Amino acid sequence: KNSTLILVDGDELLLKNINSIKLSFSNKIINRIIFNKSRYWEHLKGKF
């Protein structure tokens, strides 16, 4: 309970006395403008 480290997009947070953690989709969203739908696959191939 006292040795659990939470990382949020890589940023570390140490909380004490954790009983449970519930994870789900958030009600918050962000929007991103896309100019080329096929760019995802190009990125995936090109980057990895």
All heavy atoms as atom14 arrays in JSON, in Angstrom:
{
  "sequence": "KNSTLILVDGDELLLKNINSIKLSFSNKIINRIIFNKSRYWEHLKGKF",
  "atom14_mask": [
    [1, 1, 1, 1, 1, 1, 1, 1, 1, 0, 0, 0, 0, 0],
    [1, 1, 1, 1, 1, 1, 1, 1, 0, 0, 0, 0, 0, 0],
    [1, 1, 1, 1, 1, 1, 0, 0, 0, 0, 0, 0, 0, 0],
    [1, 1, 1, 1, 1, 1, 1, 0, 0, 0, 0, 0, 0, 0],
    [1, 1, 1, 1, 1, 1, 1, 1, 0, 0, 0, 0, 0, 0],
    [1, 1, 1, 1, 1, 1, 1, 1, 0, 0, 0, 0, 0, 0],
    [1, 1, 1, 1, 1, 1, 1, 1, 0, 0, 0, 0, 0, 0],
    [1, 1, 1, 1, 1, 1, 1, 0, 0, 0, 0, 0, 0, 0],
    [1, 1, 1, 1, 1, 1, 1, 1, 0, 0, 0, 0, 0, 0],
    [1, 1, 1, 1, 0, 0, 0, 0, 0, 0, 0, 0, 0, 0],
    [1, 1, 1, 1, 1, 1, 1, 1, 0, 0, 0, 0, 0, 0],
    [1, 1, 1, 1, 1, 1, 1, 1, 1, 0, 0, 0, 0, 0],
    [1, 1, 1, 1, 1, 1, 1, 1, 0, 0, 0, 0, 0, 0],
    [1, 1, 1, 1, 1, 1, 1, 1, 0, 0, 0, 0, 0, 0],
    [1, 1, 1, 1, 1, 1, 1, 1, 0, 0, 0, 0, 0, 0],
    [1, 1, 1, 1, 1, 1, 1, 1, 1, 0, 0, 0, 0, 0],
    [1, 1, 1, 1, 1, 1, 1, 1, 0, 0, 0, 0, 0, 0],
    [1, 1, 1, 1, 1, 1, 1, 1, 0, 0, 0, 0, 0, 0],
    [1, 1, 1, 1, 1, 1, 1, 1, 0, 0, 0, 0, 0, 0],
    [1, 1, 1, 1, 1, 1, 0, 0, 0, 0, 0, 0, 0, 0],
    [1, 1, 1, 1, 1, 1, 1, 1, 0, 0, 0, 0, 0, 0],
    [1, 1, 1, 1, 1, 1, 1, 1, 1, 0, 0, 0, 0, 0],
    [1, 1, 1, 1, 1, 1, 1, 1, 0, 0, 0, 0, 0, 0],
    [1, 1, 1, 1, 1, 1, 0, 0, 0, 0, 0, 0, 0, 0],
    [1, 1, 1, 1, 1, 1, 1, 1, 1, 1, 1, 0, 0, 0],
    [1, 1, 1, 1, 1, 1, 0, 0, 0, 0, 0, 0, 0, 0],
    [1, 1, 1, 1, 1, 1, 1, 1, 0, 0, 0, 0, 0, 0],
    [1, 1, 1, 1, 1, 1, 1, 1, 1, 0, 0, 0, 0, 0],
    [1, 1, 1, 1, 1, 1, 1, 1, 0, 0, 0, 0, 0, 0],
    [1, 1, 1, 1, 1, 1, 1, 1, 0, 0, 0, 0, 0, 0],
    [1, 1, 1, 1, 1, 1, 1, 1, 0, 0, 0, 0, 0, 0],
    [1, 1, 1, 1, 1, 1, 1, 1, 1, 1, 1, 0, 0, 0],
    [1, 1, 1, 1, 1, 1, 1, 1, 0, 0, 0, 0, 0, 0],
    [1, 1, 1, 1, 1, 1, 1, 1, 0, 0, 0, 0, 0, 0],
    [1, 1, 1, 1, 1, 1, 1, 1, 1, 1, 1, 0, 0, 0],
    [1, 1, 1, 1, 1, 1, 1, 1, 0, 0, 0, 0, 0, 0],
    [1, 1, 1, 1, 1, 1, 1, 1, 1, 0, 0, 0, 0, 0],
    [1, 1, 1, 1, 1, 1, 0, 0, 0, 0, 0, 0, 0, 0],
    [1, 1, 1, 1, 1, 1, 1, 1, 1, 1, 1, 0, 0, 0],
    [1, 1, 1, 1, 1, 1, 1, 1, 1, 1, 1, 1, 0, 0],
    [1, 1, 1, 1, 1, 1, 1, 1, 1, 1, 1, 1, 1, 1],
    [1, 1, 1, 1, 1, 1, 1, 1, 1, 0, 0, 0, 0, 0],
    [1, 1, 1, 1, 1, 1, 1, 1, 1, 1, 0, 0, 0, 0],
    [1, 1, 1, 1, 1, 1, 1, 1, 0, 0, 0, 0, 0, 0],
    [1, 1, 1, 1, 1, 1, 1, 1, 1, 0, 0, 0, 0, 0],
    [1, 1, 1, 1, 0, 0, 0, 0, 0, 0, 0, 0, 0, 0],
    [1, 1, 1, 1, 1, 1, 1, 1, 1, 0, 0, 0, 0, 0],
    [1, 1, 1, 1, 1, 1, 1, 1, 1, 1, 1, 0, 0, 0]
  ],
  "atom14_positions": [
    [[0.81, -1.22, 0.0], [0.0, 0.0, 0.0], [0.85, 1.27, 0.0], [0.44, 2.29, -0.54], [-0.92, 0.02, 1.23], [-2.14, -0.88, 1.12], [-3.0, -0.8, 2.35], [-3.55, 0.6, 2.57], [-4.5, 0.67, 3.69], [0.0, 0.0, 0.0], [0.0, 0.0, 0.0], [0.0, 0.0, 0.0], [0.0, 0.0, 0.0], [0.0, 0.0, 0.0]],
    [[2.02, 1.2, 0.59], [2.88, 2.39, 0.71], [4.09, 2.33, -0.21], [5.03, 3.11, -0.04], [3.33, 2.58, 2.16], [2.18, 3.02, 3.05], [1.4, 3.86, 2.66], [2.08, 2.44, 4.23], [0.0, 0.0, 0.0], [0.0, 0.0, 0.0], [0.0, 0.0, 0.0], [0.0, 0.0, 0.0], [0.0, 0.0, 0.0], [0.0, 0.0, 0.0]],
    [[4.09, 1.44, -1.17], [5.24, 1.35, -2.08], [4.76, 1.28, -3.52], [5.29, 0.53, -4.33], [6.1, 0.14, -1.74], [5.34, -1.05, -1.8], [0.0, 0.0, 0.0], [0.0, 0.0, 0.0], [0.0, 0.0, 0.0], [0.0, 0.0, 0.0], [0.0, 0.0, 0.0], [0.0, 0.0, 0.0], [0.0, 0.0, 0.0], [0.0, 0.0, 0.0]],
    [[3.71, 2.06, -3.82], [3.14, 2.07, -5.16], [3.43, 3.4, -5.84], [3.12, 4.46, -5.3], [1.61, 1.84, -5.1], [1.35, 0.62, -4.43], [1.01, 1.79, -6.5], [0.0, 0.0, 0.0], [0.0, 0.0, 0.0], [0.0, 0.0, 0.0], [0.0, 0.0, 0.0], [0.0, 0.0, 0.0], [0.0, 0.0, 0.0], [0.0, 0.0, 0.0]],
    [[4.02, 3.33, -7.02], [4.39, 4.51, -7.8], [3.45, 4.63, -9.0], [3.25, 3.68, -9.74], [5.83, 4.38, -8.28], [6.52, 5.59, -8.88], [6.68, 6.69, -7.83], [7.88, 5.21, -9.44], [0.0, 0.0, 0.0], [0.0, 0.0, 0.0], [0.0, 0.0, 0.0], [0.0, 0.0, 0.0], [0.0, 0.0, 0.0], [0.0, 0.0, 0.0]],
    [[2.86, 5.81, -9.16], [1.96, 6.07, -10.29], [2.69, 6.93, -11.3], [3.26, 7.97, -10.94], [0.67, 6.79, -9.83], [0.08, 6.15, -8.57], [-0.34, 6.84, -10.97], [-0.4, 4.75, -8.75], [0.0, 0.0, 0.0], [0.0, 0.0, 0.0], [0.0, 0.0, 0.0], [0.0, 0.0, 0.0], [0.0, 0.0, 0.0], [0.0, 0.0, 0.0]],
    [[2.69, 6.53, -12.57], [3.29, 7.32, -13.64], [2.19, 7.75, -14.6], [1.48, 6.91, -15.16], [4.36, 6.53, -14.38], [5.67, 6.27, -13.62], [5.55, 5.01, -12.78], [6.83, 6.12, -14.6], [0.0, 0.0, 0.0], [0.0, 0.0, 0.0], [0.0, 0.0, 0.0], [0.0, 0.0, 0.0], [0.0, 0.0, 0.0], [0.0, 0.0, 0.0]],
    [[2.06, 9.05, -14.79], [1.04, 9.63, -15.67], [1.75, 10.22, -16.88], [2.4, 11.26, -16.78], [0.22, 10.71, -14.93], [-0.87, 11.26, -15.82], [-0.37, 10.14, -13.64], [0.0, 0.0, 0.0], [0.0, 0.0, 0.0], [0.0, 0.0, 0.0], [0.0, 0.0, 0.0], [0.0, 0.0, 0.0], [0.0, 0.0, 0.0], [0.0, 0.0, 0.0]],
    [[1.65, 9.54, -18.01], [2.41, 9.95, -19.2], [3.89, 10.17, -18.86], [4.53, 11.11, -19.33], [1.81, 11.22, -19.83], [0.52, 10.94, -20.58], [0.33, 9.8, -21.02], [-0.28, 11.88, -20.73], [0.0, 0.0, 0.0], [0.0, 0.0, 0.0], [0.0, 0.0, 0.0], [0.0, 0.0, 0.0], [0.0, 0.0, 0.0], [0.0, 0.0, 0.0]],
    [[4.41, 9.3, -17.99], [5.82, 9.34, -17.64], [6.17, 10.16, -16.42], [7.28, 10.03, -15.89], [0.0, 0.0, 0.0], [0.0, 0.0, 0.0], [0.0, 0.0, 0.0], [0.0, 0.0, 0.0], [0.0, 0.0, 0.0], [0.0, 0.0, 0.0], [0.0, 0.0, 0.0], [0.0, 0.0, 0.0], [0.0, 0.0, 0.0], [0.0, 0.0, 0.0]],
    [[5.26, 11.02, -15.95], [5.51, 11.82, -14.76], [5.18, 11.0, -13.51], [4.08, 10.45, -13.4], [4.68, 13.11, -14.77], [5.15, 14.09, -15.83], [6.29, 13.94, -16.3], [4.38, 15.0, -16.19], [0.0, 0.0, 0.0], [0.0, 0.0, 0.0], [0.0, 0.0, 0.0], [0.0, 0.0, 0.0], [0.0, 0.0, 0.0], [0.0, 0.0, 0.0]],
    [[6.12, 10.95, -12.56], [5.97, 10.1, -11.4], [5.21, 10.78, -10.26], [5.35, 11.98, -10.02], [7.35, 9.67, -10.87], [8.12, 8.79, -11.84], [9.42, 8.3, -11.25], [9.76, 8.71, -10.11], [10.12, 7.51, -11.91], [0.0, 0.0, 0.0], [0.0, 0.0, 0.0], [0.0, 0.0, 0.0], [0.0, 0.0, 0.0], [0.0, 0.0, 0.0]],
    [[4.4, 9.97, -9.56], [3.66, 10.44, -8.39], [3.63, 9.3, -7.38], [3.2, 8.2, -7.69], [2.23, 10.83, -8.79], [1.3, 11.31, -7.67], [1.8, 12.63, -7.09], [-0.12, 11.46, -8.19], [0.0, 0.0, 0.0], [0.0, 0.0, 0.0], [0.0, 0.0, 0.0], [0.0, 0.0, 0.0], [0.0, 0.0, 0.0], [0.0, 0.0, 0.0]],
    [[4.1, 9.59, -6.17], [4.11, 8.6, -5.09], [3.02, 8.95, -4.1], [3.01, 10.04, -3.52], [5.47, 8.56, -4.39], [5.59, 7.58, -3.21], [5.37, 6.14, -3.68], [6.96, 7.71, -2.55], [0.0, 0.0, 0.0], [0.0, 0.0, 0.0], [0.0, 0.0, 0.0], [0.0, 0.0, 0.0], [0.0, 0.0, 0.0], [0.0, 0.0, 0.0]],
    [[2.06, 8.04, -3.94], [0.96, 8.24, -3.0], [1.03, 7.17, -1.91], [1.36, 6.02, -2.19], [-0.39, 8.18, -3.71], [-0.65, 9.26, -4.76], [-1.97, 9.0, -5.46], [-0.66, 10.65, -4.13], [0.0, 0.0, 0.0], [0.0, 0.0, 0.0], [0.0, 0.0, 0.0], [0.0, 0.0, 0.0], [0.0, 0.0, 0.0], [0.0, 0.0, 0.0]],
    [[0.68, 7.57, -0.7], [0.72, 6.66, 0.44], [-0.66, 6.07, 0.71], [-1.68, 6.66, 0.4], [1.22, 7.41, 1.68], [2.64, 7.97, 1.56], [3.66, 6.87, 1.56], [5.09, 7.45, 1.6], [6.1, 6.37, 1.6], [0.0, 0.0, 0.0], [0.0, 0.0, 0.0], [0.0, 0.0, 0.0], [0.0, 0.0, 0.0], [0.0, 0.0, 0.0]],
    [[-0.66, 4.9, 1.33], [-1.89, 4.25, 1.81], [-2.93, 4.07, 0.71], [-4.11, 4.38, 0.88], [-2.49, 5.05, 2.97], [-1.53, 5.19, 4.14], [-0.96, 4.2, 4.6], [-1.33, 6.42, 4.61], [0.0, 0.0, 0.0], [0.0, 0.0, 0.0], [0.0, 0.0, 0.0], [0.0, 0.0, 0.0], [0.0, 0.0, 0.0], [0.0, 0.0, 0.0]],
    [[-2.5, 3.53, -0.44], [-3.43, 3.29, -1.54], [-4.24, 2.02, -1.26], [-3.68, 0.95, -1.01], [-2.67, 3.16, -2.87], [-2.03, 4.5, -3.25], [-3.62, 2.7, -3.98], [-1.21, 4.44, -4.53], [0.0, 0.0, 0.0], [0.0, 0.0, 0.0], [0.0, 0.0, 0.0], [0.0, 0.0, 0.0], [0.0, 0.0, 0.0], [0.0, 0.0, 0.0]],
    [[-5.55, 2.15, -1.33], [-6.43, 1.0, -1.16], [-6.82, 0.37, -2.49], [-6.88, -0.86, -2.61], [-7.69, 1.42, -0.4], [-7.4, 1.83, 1.02], [-6.64, 1.17, 1.72], [-7.98, 2.94, 1.45], [0.0, 0.0, 0.0], [0.0, 0.0, 0.0], [0.0, 0.0, 0.0], [0.0, 0.0, 0.0], [0.0, 0.0, 0.0], [0.0, 0.0, 0.0]],
    [[-7.08, 1.2, -3.49], [-7.43, 0.68, -4.82], [-7.26, 1.78, -5.86], [-7.24, 2.97, -5.55], [-8.87, 0.15, -4.85], [-9.8, 1.2, -4.66], [0.0, 0.0, 0.0], [0.0, 0.0, 0.0], [0.0, 0.0, 0.0], [0.0, 0.0, 0.0], [0.0, 0.0, 0.0], [0.0, 0.0, 0.0], [0.0, 0.0, 0.0], [0.0, 0.0, 0.0]],
    [[-7.14, 1.33, -7.11], [-7.02, 2.24, -8.26], [-8.0, 1.77, -9.31], [-7.96, 0.6, -9.73], [-5.59, 2.22, -8.84], [-4.56, 2.57, -7.76], [-5.48, 3.18, -10.03], [-3.13, 2.26, -8.17], [0.0, 0.0, 0.0], [0.0, 0.0, 0.0], [0.0, 0.0, 0.0], [0.0, 0.0, 0.0], [0.0, 0.0, 0.0], [0.0, 0.0, 0.0]],
    [[-8.9, 2.65, -9.75], [-9.86, 2.32, -10.8], [-9.51, 3.09, -12.06], [-9.41, 4.32, -12.03], [-11.29, 2.64, -10.35], [-11.79, 1.73, -9.22], [-13.26, 2.01, -8.9], [-13.77, 1.04, -7.84], [-15.2, 1.28, -7.53], [0.0, 0.0, 0.0], [0.0, 0.0, 0.0], [0.0, 0.0, 0.0], [0.0, 0.0, 0.0], [0.0, 0.0, 0.0]],
    [[-9.36, 2.37, -13.16], [-8.95, 2.98, -14.42], [-10.02, 2.76, -15.47], [-10.55, 1.66, -15.62], [-7.63, 2.39, -14.89], [-6.46, 2.63, -13.94], [-5.95, 1.33, -13.38], [-5.35, 3.41, -14.61], [0.0, 0.0, 0.0], [0.0, 0.0, 0.0], [0.0, 0.0, 0.0], [0.0, 0.0, 0.0], [0.0, 0.0, 0.0], [0.0, 0.0, 0.0]],
    [[-10.32, 3.83, -16.2], [-11.34, 3.78, -17.25], [-11.1, 4.95, -18.2], [-10.21, 5.78, -17.97], [-12.74, 3.88, -16.63], [-12.88, 5.1, -15.93], [0.0, 0.0, 0.0], [0.0, 0.0, 0.0], [0.0, 0.0, 0.0], [0.0, 0.0, 0.0], [0.0, 0.0, 0.0], [0.0, 0.0, 0.0], [0.0, 0.0, 0.0], [0.0, 0.0, 0.0]],
    [[-11.91, 5.02, -19.24], [-11.84, 6.19, -20.1], [-12.36, 7.41, -19.35], [-13.31, 7.33, -18.57], [-12.67, 6.0, -21.37], [-11.92, 5.31, -22.48], [-12.41, 4.13, -23.03], [-10.75, 5.84, -22.97], [-11.72, 3.49, -24.05], [-10.06, 5.21, -23.99], [-10.54, 4.04, -24.53], [0.0, 0.0, 0.0], [0.0, 0.0, 0.0], [0.0, 0.0, 0.0]],
    [[-11.72, 8.55, -19.58], [-12.13, 9.81, -18.96], [-13.27, 10.43, -19.74], [-13.48, 10.15, -20.93], [-10.94, 10.77, -18.94], [-11.33, 12.06, -18.54], [0.0, 0.0, 0.0], [0.0, 0.0, 0.0], [0.0, 0.0, 0.0], [0.0, 0.0, 0.0], [0.0, 0.0, 0.0], [0.0, 0.0, 0.0], [0.0, 0.0, 0.0], [0.0, 0.0, 0.0]],
    [[-14.02, 11.3, -19.07], [-15.02, 12.11, -19.76], [-14.37, 13.22, -20.58], [-14.99, 13.79, -21.48], [-15.99, 12.73, -18.75], [-16.9, 11.69, -18.12], [-17.25, 10.7, -18.76], [-17.28, 11.9, -16.87], [0.0, 0.0, 0.0], [0.0, 0.0, 0.0], [0.0, 0.0, 0.0], [0.0, 0.0, 0.0], [0.0, 0.0, 0.0], [0.0, 0.0, 0.0]],
    [[-13.12, 13.53, -20.26], [-12.39, 14.55, -21.01], [-11.87, 13.95, -22.33], [-11.56, 12.76, -22.4], [-11.2, 15.08, -20.2], [-11.57, 15.78, -18.92], [-10.31, 16.21, -18.16], [-10.65, 16.9, -16.86], [-9.44, 17.27, -16.1], [0.0, 0.0, 0.0], [0.0, 0.0, 0.0], [0.0, 0.0, 0.0], [0.0, 0.0, 0.0], [0.0, 0.0, 0.0]],
    [[-11.79, 14.78, -23.33], [-11.2, 14.39, -24.61], [-10.33, 15.54, -25.1], [-10.4, 16.67, -24.59], [-12.27, 14.08, -25.68], [-13.16, 15.32, -25.91], [-13.09, 12.86, -25.3], [-14.04, 15.21, -27.14], [0.0, 0.0, 0.0], [0.0, 0.0, 0.0], [0.0, 0.0, 0.0], [0.0, 0.0, 0.0], [0.0, 0.0, 0.0], [0.0, 0.0, 0.0]],
    [[-9.51, 15.26, -26.08], [-8.83, 16.33, -26.81], [-9.06, 16.1, -28.3], [-9.31, 14.97, -28.75], [-7.33, 16.42, -26.5], [-6.63, 15.08, -26.7], [-7.1, 16.95, -25.11], [-5.14, 15.17, -26.51], [0.0, 0.0, 0.0], [0.0, 0.0, 0.0], [0.0, 0.0, 0.0], [0.0, 0.0, 0.0], [0.0, 0.0, 0.0], [0.0, 0.0, 0.0]],
    [[-8.99, 17.17, -29.07], [-9.22, 17.11, -30.51], [-7.94, 17.43, -31.25], [-7.19, 18.34, -30.85], [-10.32, 18.09, -30.92], [-11.66, 17.73, -30.32], [-12.17, 16.64, -30.53], [-12.24, 18.65, -29.54], [0.0, 0.0, 0.0], [0.0, 0.0, 0.0], [0.0, 0.0, 0.0], [0.0, 0.0, 0.0], [0.0, 0.0, 0.0], [0.0, 0.0, 0.0]],
    [[-7.7, 16.72, -32.31], [-6.49, 16.92, -33.1], [-6.85, 17.03, -34.58], [-7.64, 16.23, -35.09], [-5.52, 15.75, -32.88], [-4.2, 15.88, -33.62], [-3.24, 14.79, -33.24], [-3.83, 13.47, -33.43], [-3.08, 12.36, -33.61], [-1.77, 12.44, -33.59], [-3.67, 11.2, -33.78], [0.0, 0.0, 0.0], [0.0, 0.0, 0.0], [0.0, 0.0, 0.0]],
    [[-6.3, 18.02, -35.24], [-6.54, 18.2, -36.66], [-5.66, 17.26, -37.47], [-4.46, 17.13, -37.21], [-6.28, 19.67, -37.06], [-7.45, 20.55, -36.58], [-6.12, 19.82, -38.57], [-7.29, 22.0, -36.91], [0.0, 0.0, 0.0], [0.0, 0.0, 0.0], [0.0, 0.0, 0.0], [0.0, 0.0, 0.0], [0.0, 0.0, 0.0], [0.0, 0.0, 0.0]],
    [[-6.28, 16.58, -38.43], [-5.58, 15.6, -39.27], [-5.7, 16.02, -40.73], [-6.8, 16.33, -41.2], [-6.19, 14.2, -39.09], [-6.12, 13.75, -37.63], [-5.52, 13.19, -40.0], [-4.73, 13.53, -37.11], [0.0, 0.0, 0.0], [0.0, 0.0, 0.0], [0.0, 0.0, 0.0], [0.0, 0.0, 0.0], [0.0, 0.0, 0.0], [0.0, 0.0, 0.0]],
    [[-4.58, 16.04, -41.43], [-4.59, 16.4, -42.85], [-4.45, 15.18, -43.77], [-4.73, 15.27, -44.95], [-3.46, 17.39, -43.15], [-3.69, 18.75, -42.54], [-3.19, 19.06, -41.29], [-4.45, 19.7, -43.2], [-3.42, 20.29, -40.71], [-4.68, 20.95, -42.64], [-4.18, 21.24, -41.39], [0.0, 0.0, 0.0], [0.0, 0.0, 0.0], [0.0, 0.0, 0.0]],
    [[-4.02, 14.07, -43.21], [-3.81, 12.88, -44.03], [-4.09, 11.64, -43.18], [-3.3, 11.28, -42.32], [-2.38, 12.84, -44.56], [-2.12, 11.67, -45.48], [-2.99, 10.83, -45.7], [-0.92, 11.6, -46.04], [0.0, 0.0, 0.0], [0.0, 0.0, 0.0], [0.0, 0.0, 0.0], [0.0, 0.0, 0.0], [0.0, 0.0, 0.0], [0.0, 0.0, 0.0]],
    [[-5.25, 10.99, -43.41], [-5.63, 9.83, -42.61], [-4.62, 8.7, -42.74], [-4.4, 7.93, -41.8], [-7.02, 9.33, -43.05], [-8.18, 10.19, -42.58], [-8.45, 9.97, -41.1], [-9.7, 10.7, -40.65], [-9.98, 10.48, -39.21], [0.0, 0.0, 0.0], [0.0, 0.0, 0.0], [0.0, 0.0, 0.0], [0.0, 0.0, 0.0], [0.0, 0.0, 0.0]],
    [[-3.99, 8.57, -43.89], [-3.02, 7.48, -44.08], [-1.69, 7.77, -43.41], [-0.82, 6.9, -43.34], [-2.79, 7.21, -45.57], [-2.18, 8.33, -46.2], [0.0, 0.0, 0.0], [0.0, 0.0, 0.0], [0.0, 0.0, 0.0], [0.0, 0.0, 0.0], [0.0, 0.0, 0.0], [0.0, 0.0, 0.0], [0.0, 0.0, 0.0], [0.0, 0.0, 0.0]],
    [[-1.52, 9.0, -42.89], [-0.26, 9.37, -42.23], [0.01, 8.47, -41.02], [1.16, 8.25, -40.66], [-0.3, 10.84, -41.83], [0.97, 11.38, -41.17], [2.13, 11.45, -42.15], [1.95, 12.46, -43.16], [2.41, 13.71, -43.06], [3.05, 14.1, -41.99], [2.2, 14.55, -44.05], [0.0, 0.0, 0.0], [0.0, 0.0, 0.0], [0.0, 0.0, 0.0]],
    [[-1.05, 7.95, -40.38], [-0.85, 7.07, -39.23], [0.01, 5.87, -39.61], [0.97, 5.52, -38.91], [-2.2, 6.6, -38.68], [-2.08, 5.61, -37.54], [-1.85, 6.05, -36.24], [-2.15, 4.24, -37.76], [-1.72, 5.16, -35.19], [-2.02, 3.33, -36.72], [-1.8, 3.8, -35.44], [-1.66, 2.91, -34.41], [0.0, 0.0, 0.0], [0.0, 0.0, 0.0]],
    [[-0.35, 5.22, -40.72], [0.4, 4.03, -41.12], [1.79, 4.39, -41.62], [2.75, 3.64, -41.42], [-0.39, 3.27, -42.18], [-1.75, 2.89, -41.69], [-2.95, 3.42, -42.09], [-2.06, 1.94, -40.67], [-3.98, 2.85, -41.39], [-3.46, 1.94, -40.52], [-1.29, 1.1, -39.88], [-4.11, 1.11, -39.6], [-1.92, 0.27, -38.96], [-3.31, 0.29, -38.82]],
    [[1.91, 5.54, -42.26], [3.23, 6.01, -42.67], [4.1, 6.26, -41.45], [5.3, 5.92, -41.43], [3.08, 7.29, -43.49], [2.37, 7.1, -44.82], [2.04, 8.43, -45.51], [2.48, 9.48, -44.99], [1.35, 8.42, -46.53], [0.0, 0.0, 0.0], [0.0, 0.0, 0.0], [0.0, 0.0, 0.0], [0.0, 0.0, 0.0], [0.0, 0.0, 0.0]],
    [[3.52, 6.89, -40.42], [4.25, 7.15, -39.18], [4.66, 5.84, -38.54], [5.8, 5.69, -38.08], [3.36, 7.94, -38.21], [3.55, 9.42, -38.3], [3.71, 10.07, -39.5], [3.59, 10.37, -37.34], [3.84, 11.37, -39.27], [3.77, 11.58, -37.97], [0.0, 0.0, 0.0], [0.0, 0.0, 0.0], [0.0, 0.0, 0.0], [0.0, 0.0, 0.0]],
    [[3.74, 4.89, -38.47], [4.02, 3.63, -37.81], [5.19, 2.92, -38.49], [6.1, 2.41, -37.82], [2.76, 2.75, -37.86], [2.79, 1.48, -36.98], [2.88, 1.84, -35.52], [1.54, 0.65, -37.27], [0.0, 0.0, 0.0], [0.0, 0.0, 0.0], [0.0, 0.0, 0.0], [0.0, 0.0, 0.0], [0.0, 0.0, 0.0], [0.0, 0.0, 0.0]],
    [[5.17, 2.89, -39.81], [6.25, 2.25, -40.54], [7.54, 3.05, -40.43], [8.61, 2.5, -40.16], [5.87, 2.07, -42.01], [6.95, 1.41, -42.85], [6.5, 1.25, -44.3], [7.6, 0.6, -45.13], [7.17, 0.43, -46.55], [0.0, 0.0, 0.0], [0.0, 0.0, 0.0], [0.0, 0.0, 0.0], [0.0, 0.0, 0.0], [0.0, 0.0, 0.0]],
    [[7.44, 4.37, -40.63], [8.62, 5.22, -40.64], [9.32, 5.35, -39.3], [10.54, 5.48, -39.24], [0.0, 0.0, 0.0], [0.0, 0.0, 0.0], [0.0, 0.0, 0.0], [0.0, 0.0, 0.0], [0.0, 0.0, 0.0], [0.0, 0.0, 0.0], [0.0, 0.0, 0.0], [0.0, 0.0, 0.0], [0.0, 0.0, 0.0], [0.0, 0.0, 0.0]],
    [[8.54, 5.32, -38.22], [9.13, 5.53, -36.89], [9.62, 4.25, -36.23], [10.53, 4.29, -35.41], [8.1, 6.18, -35.95], [7.52, 7.49, -36.46], [8.55, 8.57, -36.6], [7.89, 9.88, -37.05], [8.87, 10.97, -37.22], [0.0, 0.0, 0.0], [0.0, 0.0, 0.0], [0.0, 0.0, 0.0], [0.0, 0.0, 0.0], [0.0, 0.0, 0.0]],
    [[8.99, 3.11, -36.58], [9.28, 1.89, -35.84], [9.85, 0.74, -36.68], [10.32, -0.25, -36.12], [8.02, 1.39, -35.13], [7.49, 2.38, -34.12], [6.27, 2.98, -34.31], [8.22, 2.7, -32.99], [5.77, 3.88, -33.37], [7.75, 3.6, -32.06], [6.53, 4.2, -32.25], [0.0, 0.0, 0.0], [0.0, 0.0, 0.0], [0.0, 0.0, 0.0]]
  ]
}
